[in-house]
Amino acid sequence: MNVFRLSGDLSHVLSILILLLRLITTRQATGISLKTQELFLLVFVTRYLDLFTTYYSLYNSVMKMLYISSTAYIVYMIRYKEPYKSKYDSSQDSFLHWKFAVVPCIVLSIITEVIKHEFEFIELLWTFSIYLEAVAIVPQLITLQRFREVENLTSHYIFLIGIYRALYILNWIYRSYYEPYYRHNWIVYIAGVVQTLLYVDFFYYYVISKYYGGKLTLPS
């Protein structure tokens, strides 16, 4: 495992821990998108079905179970547990994620598998998870745009999620140069670049706010 993948994984784990810390310390879910968390949970569940079929390493298995369980718990907290349920503003988290994220990604993944002539159910779900992860953050970014002023821990969470994806792009570049049997996957590359680009605007305002020591405020 190279330093870029390890750093990316640690950034991802840290982002989830920060989001949990934010929920527990503030005891409210204002500014958090439940729909983004539901999309991430769907990404992890459909991608990591190989937990039941293939063993790669203890590290690999632990990380997969951590992503699924922690994200499922976040969804449970916001949707069912008080006081988070009452402090979640669904009117600001109104992106139609099933209609405009899940369904298009299902269609796109089916088309991809047909083109590849490899219509296997597990492979179809994996491809779907790659496409869905690329757009899973969209409801959260829209929610923050509506609130404009972003709480510190929430901004750290989104920043680390974006850093995780950027580090994985460096991981792919590194592996293509130093692993002779590395297999390129252009679906992963394109989805990863799209996902990273979605964070660029947020990164800019995040860095500016930290540089000047002010609170992160997004433009209307």
C-alpha atoms as a PDB file:
ATOM      1  CA  MET A   1       0.000   0.000   0.000  1.00  0.00           C
ATOM      2  CA  ASN A   2       1.388   3.415  -0.967  1.00  0.00           C
ATOM      3  CA  VAL A   3       1.300   6.613   1.046  1.00  0.00           C
ATOM      4  CA  PHE A   4      -1.395   8.214  -1.133  1.00  0.00           C
ATOM      5  CA  ARG A   5      -3.913   5.428  -0.598  1.00  0.00           C
ATOM      6  CA  LEU A   6      -3.156   5.208   3.119  1.00  0.00           C
ATOM      7  CA  SER A   7      -3.495   8.989   3.506  1.00  0.00           C
ATOM      8  CA  GLY A   8      -6.718   8.915   1.497  1.00  0.00           C
ATOM      9  CA  ASP A   9      -8.195   6.179   3.678  1.00  0.00           C
ATOM     10  CA  LEU A  10      -7.192   8.013   6.859  1.00  0.00           C
ATOM     11  CA  SER A  11      -8.742  11.246   5.533  1.00  0.00           C
ATOM     12  CA  HIS A  12     -11.959   9.365   4.787  1.00  0.00           C
ATOM     13  CA  VAL A  13     -12.117   7.782   8.235  1.00  0.00           C
ATOM     14  CA  LEU A  14     -11.271  11.095   9.920  1.00  0.00           C
ATOM     15  CA  SER A  15     -14.033  12.860   7.976  1.00  0.00           C
ATOM     16  CA  ILE A  16     -16.619  10.379   9.262  1.00  0.00           C
ATOM     17  CA  LEU A  17     -15.335  10.701  12.829  1.00  0.00           C
ATOM     18  CA  ILE A  18     -15.513  14.495  12.596  1.00  0.00           C
ATOM     19  CA  LEU A  19     -19.106  14.315  11.360  1.00  0.00           C
ATOM     20  CA  LEU A  20     -20.016  12.028  14.269  1.00  0.00           C
ATOM     21  CA  LEU A  21     -18.240  14.411  16.662  1.00  0.00           C
ATOM     22  CA  ARG A  22     -20.145  17.336  15.191  1.00  0.00           C
ATOM     23  CA  LEU A  23     -23.489  15.590  15.688  1.00  0.00           C
ATOM     24  CA  ILE A  24     -22.714  14.420  19.223  1.00  0.00           C
ATOM     25  CA  THR A  25     -21.252  17.703  20.512  1.00  0.00           C
ATOM     26  CA  THR A  26     -23.870  20.027  19.010  1.00  0.00           C
ATOM     27  CA  ARG A  27     -26.770  17.557  19.463  1.00  0.00           C
ATOM     28  CA  GLN A  28     -28.387  18.803  16.281  1.00  0.00           C
ATOM     29  CA  ALA A  29     -28.184  18.080  12.550  1.00  0.00           C
ATOM     30  CA  THR A  30     -28.767  21.543  11.101  1.00  0.00           C
ATOM     31  CA  GLY A  31     -26.737  21.976   7.923  1.00  0.00           C
ATOM     32  CA  ILE A  32     -26.136  18.235   7.529  1.00  0.00           C
ATOM     33  CA  SER A  33     -27.626  16.489   4.510  1.00  0.00           C
ATOM     34  CA  LEU A  34     -29.289  13.207   5.414  1.00  0.00           C
ATOM     35  CA  LYS A  35     -29.643  12.517   1.704  1.00  0.00           C
ATOM     36  CA  THR A  36     -25.886  12.654   1.154  1.00  0.00           C
ATOM     37  CA  GLN A  37     -25.398  10.194   4.017  1.00  0.00           C
ATOM     38  CA  GLU A  38     -28.036   7.870   2.527  1.00  0.00           C
ATOM     39  CA  LEU A  39     -26.257   8.014  -0.825  1.00  0.00           C
ATOM     40  CA  PHE A  40     -22.891   7.224   0.769  1.00  0.00           C
ATOM     41  CA  LEU A  41     -24.450   4.313   2.653  1.00  0.00           C
ATOM     42  CA  LEU A  42     -25.856   2.969  -0.613  1.00  0.00           C
ATOM     43  CA  VAL A  43     -22.410   3.393  -2.202  1.00  0.00           C
ATOM     44  CA  PHE A  44     -20.721   1.357   0.525  1.00  0.00           C
ATOM     45  CA  VAL A  45     -23.344  -1.393   0.657  1.00  0.00           C
ATOM     46  CA  THR A  46     -23.319  -1.969  -3.111  1.00  0.00           C
ATOM     47  CA  ARG A  47     -19.528  -1.720  -3.437  1.00  0.00           C
ATOM     48  CA  TYR A  48     -18.495  -3.916  -0.534  1.00  0.00           C
ATOM     49  CA  LEU A  49     -20.605  -7.002  -1.167  1.00  0.00           C
ATOM     50  CA  ASP A  50     -17.289  -8.789  -1.715  1.00  0.00           C
ATOM     51  CA  LEU A  51     -17.002  -8.858   2.085  1.00  0.00           C
ATOM     52  CA  PHE A  52     -19.114 -12.014   1.843  1.00  0.00           C
ATOM     53  CA  THR A  53     -17.206 -13.576  -1.060  1.00  0.00           C
ATOM     54  CA  THR A  54     -13.537 -12.535  -1.051  1.00  0.00           C
ATOM     55  CA  TYR A  55     -10.954 -11.933   1.670  1.00  0.00           C
ATOM     56  CA  TYR A  56      -8.154  -9.495   0.765  1.00  0.00           C
ATOM     57  CA  SER A  57      -6.682  -8.474   4.110  1.00  0.00           C
ATOM     58  CA  LEU A  58      -7.697  -7.629   7.661  1.00  0.00           C
ATOM     59  CA  TYR A  59      -7.136  -3.933   6.919  1.00  0.00           C
ATOM     60  CA  ASN A  60      -9.399  -4.097   3.872  1.00  0.00           C
ATOM     61  CA  SER A  61     -12.204  -5.877   5.713  1.00  0.00           C
ATOM     62  CA  VAL A  62     -12.053  -3.610   8.773  1.00  0.00           C
ATOM     63  CA  MET A  63     -12.162  -0.435   6.664  1.00  0.00           C
ATOM     64  CA  LYS A  64     -15.155  -1.658   4.666  1.00  0.00           C
ATOM     65  CA  MET A  65     -17.099  -2.611   7.791  1.00  0.00           C
ATOM     66  CA  LEU A  66     -16.182   0.723   9.389  1.00  0.00           C
ATOM     67  CA  TYR A  67     -17.507   2.716   6.424  1.00  0.00           C
ATOM     68  CA  ILE A  68     -20.792   0.796   6.340  1.00  0.00           C
ATOM     69  CA  SER A  69     -21.457   0.738  10.083  1.00  0.00           C
ATOM     70  CA  SER A  70     -20.490   4.347  10.828  1.00  0.00           C
ATOM     71  CA  THR A  71     -22.469   5.770   7.902  1.00  0.00           C
ATOM     72  CA  ALA A  72     -25.486   3.603   8.793  1.00  0.00           C
ATOM     73  CA  TYR A  73     -25.305   4.932  12.339  1.00  0.00           C
ATOM     74  CA  ILE A  74     -25.197   8.544  11.110  1.00  0.00           C
ATOM     75  CA  VAL A  75     -28.292   7.908   8.978  1.00  0.00           C
ATOM     76  CA  TYR A  76     -30.022   6.312  11.973  1.00  0.00           C
ATOM     77  CA  MET A  77     -29.142   9.263  14.227  1.00  0.00           C
ATOM     78  CA  ILE A  78     -30.529  11.883  11.861  1.00  0.00           C
ATOM     79  CA  ARG A  79     -33.599   9.975  10.698  1.00  0.00           C
ATOM     80  CA  TYR A  80     -34.764   8.317  13.912  1.00  0.00           C
ATOM     81  CA  LYS A  81     -32.913   9.492  17.030  1.00  0.00           C
ATOM     82  CA  GLU A  82     -33.717  12.530  19.147  1.00  0.00           C
ATOM     83  CA  PRO A  83     -32.708  15.307  19.391  1.00  0.00           C
ATOM     84  CA  TYR A  84     -31.053  14.977  15.955  1.00  0.00           C
ATOM     85  CA  LYS A  85     -34.295  14.069  14.193  1.00  0.00           C
ATOM     86  CA  SER A  86     -36.059  17.217  15.428  1.00  0.00           C
ATOM     87  CA  LYS A  87     -33.039  19.429  14.681  1.00  0.00           C
ATOM     88  CA  TYR A  88     -32.712  18.228  11.079  1.00  0.00           C
ATOM     89  CA  ASP A  89     -34.105  20.735   8.578  1.00  0.00           C
ATOM     90  CA  SER A  90     -35.475  18.633   5.719  1.00  0.00           C
ATOM     91  CA  SER A  91     -36.784  21.714   3.907  1.00  0.00           C
ATOM     92  CA  GLN A  92     -33.190  22.791   3.201  1.00  0.00           C
ATOM     93  CA  ASP A  93     -32.182  19.253   2.217  1.00  0.00           C
ATOM     94  CA  SER A  94     -34.651  18.960  -0.626  1.00  0.00           C
ATOM     95  CA  PHE A  95     -32.529  17.564  -3.470  1.00  0.00           C
ATOM     96  CA  LEU A  96     -34.439  14.649  -5.045  1.00  0.00           C
ATOM     97  CA  HIS A  97     -31.580  12.184  -4.607  1.00  0.00           C
ATOM     98  CA  TRP A  98     -33.454   9.048  -5.644  1.00  0.00           C
ATOM     99  CA  LYS A  99     -34.730  10.651  -8.826  1.00  0.00           C
ATOM    100  CA  PHE A 100     -31.691  12.709  -9.868  1.00  0.00           C
ATOM    101  CA  ALA A 101     -28.815  10.641  -8.447  1.00  0.00           C
ATOM    102  CA  VAL A 102     -29.746   7.001  -7.880  1.00  0.00           C
ATOM    103  CA  VAL A 103     -31.895   6.362 -10.975  1.00  0.00           C
ATOM    104  CA  PRO A 104     -29.491   8.020 -13.476  1.00  0.00           C
ATOM    105  CA  CYS A 105     -26.568   6.094 -11.960  1.00  0.00           C
ATOM    106  CA  ILE A 106     -28.490   2.816 -12.282  1.00  0.00           C
ATOM    107  CA  VAL A 107     -29.205   3.537 -15.939  1.00  0.00           C
ATOM    108  CA  LEU A 108     -25.619   4.594 -16.604  1.00  0.00           C
ATOM    109  CA  SER A 109     -24.190   1.501 -14.912  1.00  0.00           C
ATOM    110  CA  ILE A 110     -26.487  -0.796 -16.949  1.00  0.00           C
ATOM    111  CA  ILE A 111     -25.391   0.917 -20.170  1.00  0.00           C
ATOM    112  CA  THR A 112     -21.752   0.563 -19.120  1.00  0.00           C
ATOM    113  CA  GLU A 113     -22.078  -3.154 -18.422  1.00  0.00           C
ATOM    114  CA  VAL A 114     -23.892  -3.740 -21.727  1.00  0.00           C
ATOM    115  CA  ILE A 115     -21.097  -1.959 -23.596  1.00  0.00           C
ATOM    116  CA  LYS A 116     -18.489  -4.031 -21.745  1.00  0.00           C
ATOM    117  CA  HIS A 117     -20.426  -7.254 -22.459  1.00  0.00           C
ATOM    118  CA  GLU A 118     -19.929  -8.230 -18.798  1.00  0.00           C
ATOM    119  CA  PHE A 119     -23.415  -8.202 -17.353  1.00  0.00           C
ATOM    120  CA  GLU A 120     -22.704  -9.649 -13.911  1.00  0.00           C
ATOM    121  CA  PHE A 121     -24.854  -8.514 -10.986  1.00  0.00           C
ATOM    122  CA  ILE A 122     -21.973  -7.896  -8.545  1.00  0.00           C
ATOM    123  CA  GLU A 123     -20.018  -6.023 -11.216  1.00  0.00           C
ATOM    124  CA  LEU A 124     -23.121  -3.980 -12.059  1.00  0.00           C
ATOM    125  CA  LEU A 125     -23.521  -2.936  -8.409  1.00  0.00           C
ATOM    126  CA  TRP A 126     -19.825  -2.050  -8.195  1.00  0.00           C
ATOM    127  CA  THR A 127     -20.067   0.156 -11.301  1.00  0.00           C
ATOM    128  CA  PHE A 128     -23.223   1.750  -9.895  1.00  0.00           C
ATOM    129  CA  SER A 129     -21.387   2.561  -6.638  1.00  0.00           C
ATOM    130  CA  ILE A 130     -18.563   4.270  -8.556  1.00  0.00           C
ATOM    131  CA  TYR A 131     -20.986   6.533 -10.419  1.00  0.00           C
ATOM    132  CA  LEU A 132     -23.075   7.238  -7.325  1.00  0.00           C
ATOM    133  CA  GLU A 133     -20.086   8.179  -5.165  1.00  0.00           C
ATOM    134  CA  ALA A 134     -19.145  10.828  -7.717  1.00  0.00           C
ATOM    135  CA  VAL A 135     -22.390  12.732  -7.060  1.00  0.00           C
ATOM    136  CA  ALA A 136     -23.211  11.692  -3.482  1.00  0.00           C
ATOM    137  CA  ILE A 137     -21.911  14.960  -2.027  1.00  0.00           C
ATOM    138  CA  VAL A 138     -24.237  17.110  -4.192  1.00  0.00           C
ATOM    139  CA  PRO A 139     -27.164  17.241  -1.682  1.00  0.00           C
ATOM    140  CA  GLN A 140     -24.735  18.317   1.056  1.00  0.00           C
ATOM    141  CA  LEU A 141     -23.220  21.077  -1.077  1.00  0.00           C
ATOM    142  CA  ILE A 142     -26.689  22.332  -1.998  1.00  0.00           C
ATOM    143  CA  THR A 143     -27.740  22.318   1.654  1.00  0.00           C
ATOM    144  CA  LEU A 144     -24.684  24.353   2.661  1.00  0.00           C
ATOM    145  CA  GLN A 145     -25.326  26.786  -0.180  1.00  0.00           C
ATOM    146  CA  ARG A 146     -28.767  27.450   1.265  1.00  0.00           C
ATOM    147  CA  PHE A 147     -27.480  28.010   4.790  1.00  0.00           C
ATOM    148  CA  ARG A 148     -24.436  29.911   3.460  1.00  0.00           C
ATOM    149  CA  GLU A 149     -22.670  30.062   6.837  1.00  0.00           C
ATOM    150  CA  VAL A 150     -20.912  26.741   7.470  1.00  0.00           C
ATOM    151  CA  GLU A 151     -20.173  25.429  10.960  1.00  0.00           C
ATOM    152  CA  ASN A 152     -16.458  24.610  11.496  1.00  0.00           C
ATOM    153  CA  LEU A 153     -16.707  20.855  12.025  1.00  0.00           C
ATOM    154  CA  THR A 154     -19.035  20.529   9.034  1.00  0.00           C
ATOM    155  CA  SER A 155     -16.544  22.400   6.845  1.00  0.00           C
ATOM    156  CA  HIS A 156     -13.718  20.130   8.070  1.00  0.00           C
ATOM    157  CA  TYR A 157     -15.826  17.074   7.252  1.00  0.00           C
ATOM    158  CA  ILE A 158     -16.436  18.145   3.656  1.00  0.00           C
ATOM    159  CA  PHE A 159     -12.829  19.276   3.185  1.00  0.00           C
ATOM    160  CA  LEU A 160     -11.503  15.879   4.307  1.00  0.00           C
ATOM    161  CA  ILE A 161     -13.953  14.012   2.061  1.00  0.00           C
ATOM    162  CA  GLY A 162     -12.649  16.040  -0.879  1.00  0.00           C
ATOM    163  CA  ILE A 163      -9.026  15.450   0.140  1.00  0.00           C
ATOM    164  CA  TYR A 164      -9.711  11.709   0.320  1.00  0.00           C
ATOM    165  CA  ARG A 165     -10.813  11.657  -3.302  1.00  0.00           C
ATOM    166  CA  ALA A 166      -7.935  13.884  -4.468  1.00  0.00           C
ATOM    167  CA  LEU A 167      -5.421  11.582  -2.743  1.00  0.00           C
ATOM    168  CA  TYR A 168      -6.972   8.574  -4.443  1.00  0.00           C
ATOM    169  CA  ILE A 169      -6.326  10.203  -7.824  1.00  0.00           C
ATOM    170  CA  LEU A 170      -2.649  10.497  -6.836  1.00  0.00           C
ATOM    171  CA  ASN A 171      -2.831   6.855  -5.718  1.00  0.00           C
ATOM    172  CA  TRP A 172      -3.977   5.782  -9.181  1.00  0.00           C
ATOM    173  CA  ILE A 173      -1.177   7.762 -10.848  1.00  0.00           C
ATOM    174  CA  TYR A 174       1.389   6.263  -8.480  1.00  0.00           C
ATOM    175  CA  ARG A 175       0.171   2.715  -9.048  1.00  0.00           C
ATOM    176  CA  SER A 176       0.147   3.112 -12.836  1.00  0.00           C
ATOM    177  CA  TYR A 177       3.848   4.031 -12.706  1.00  0.00           C
ATOM    178  CA  TYR A 178       5.120   1.613 -10.059  1.00  0.00           C
ATOM    179  CA  GLU A 179       2.890  -1.471 -10.293  1.00  0.00           C
ATOM    180  CA  PRO A 180       3.635  -3.364 -13.526  1.00  0.00           C
ATOM    181  CA  TYR A 181       0.389  -5.372 -13.412  1.00  0.00           C
ATOM    182  CA  TYR A 182      -1.877  -2.509 -12.424  1.00  0.00           C
ATOM    183  CA  ARG A 183      -5.108  -2.493 -14.460  1.00  0.00           C
ATOM    184  CA  HIS A 184      -6.423   0.882 -15.575  1.00  0.00           C
ATOM    185  CA  ASN A 185     -10.129   1.546 -15.084  1.00  0.00           C
ATOM    186  CA  TRP A 186     -11.333   4.625 -16.912  1.00  0.00           C
ATOM    187  CA  ILE A 187     -14.749   4.533 -15.262  1.00  0.00           C
ATOM    188  CA  VAL A 188     -13.075   4.956 -11.873  1.00  0.00           C
ATOM    189  CA  TYR A 189     -10.785   7.693 -13.204  1.00  0.00           C
ATOM    190  CA  ILE A 190     -13.563   9.762 -14.773  1.00  0.00           C
ATOM    191  CA  ALA A 191     -15.895   9.399 -11.783  1.00  0.00           C
ATOM    192  CA  GLY A 192     -13.051  10.304  -9.412  1.00  0.00           C
ATOM    193  CA  VAL A 193     -12.150  13.432 -11.355  1.00  0.00           C
ATOM    194  CA  VAL A 194     -15.810  14.514 -11.543  1.00  0.00           C
ATOM    195  CA  GLN A 195     -16.189  13.993  -7.804  1.00  0.00           C
ATOM    196  CA  THR A 196     -13.054  16.011  -7.041  1.00  0.00           C
ATOM    197  CA  LEU A 197     -14.140  18.867  -9.318  1.00  0.00           C
ATOM    198  CA  LEU A 198     -17.392  19.180  -7.368  1.00  0.00           C
ATOM    199  CA  TYR A 199     -15.317  20.171  -4.333  1.00  0.00           C
ATOM    200  CA  VAL A 200     -13.158  22.813  -6.054  1.00  0.00           C
ATOM    201  CA  ASP A 201     -15.446  25.751  -5.291  1.00  0.00           C
ATOM    202  CA  PHE A 202     -15.822  24.651  -1.660  1.00  0.00           C
ATOM    203  CA  PHE A 203     -12.037  24.182  -1.327  1.00  0.00           C
ATOM    204  CA  TYR A 204     -11.485  27.756  -2.472  1.00  0.00           C
ATOM    205  CA  TYR A 205     -13.775  29.304   0.150  1.00  0.00           C
ATOM    206  CA  TYR A 206     -12.526  26.885   2.821  1.00  0.00           C
ATOM    207  CA  VAL A 207      -8.873  27.860   2.277  1.00  0.00           C
ATOM    208  CA  ILE A 208      -9.725  31.572   2.122  1.00  0.00           C
ATOM    209  CA  SER A 209     -11.672  31.379   5.396  1.00  0.00           C
ATOM    210  CA  LYS A 210      -8.821  29.567   7.152  1.00  0.00           C
ATOM    211  CA  TYR A 211      -6.218  31.962   5.783  1.00  0.00           C
ATOM    212  CA  TYR A 212      -8.052  35.023   7.091  1.00  0.00           C
ATOM    213  CA  GLY A 213      -9.242  33.266  10.252  1.00  0.00           C
ATOM    214  CA  GLY A 214     -12.923  33.937   9.590  1.00  0.00           C
ATOM    215  CA  LYS A 215     -15.977  31.715   9.455  1.00  0.00           C
ATOM    216  CA  LEU A 216     -16.648  29.899   6.218  1.00  0.00           C
ATOM    217  CA  THR A 217     -19.450  31.663   4.353  1.00  0.00           C
ATOM    218  CA  LEU A 218     -20.528  30.547   0.908  1.00  0.00           C
ATOM    219  CA  PRO A 219     -21.835  33.012  -1.698  1.00  0.00           C
ATOM    220  CA  SER A 220     -25.565  33.069  -2.374  1.00  0.00           C
END
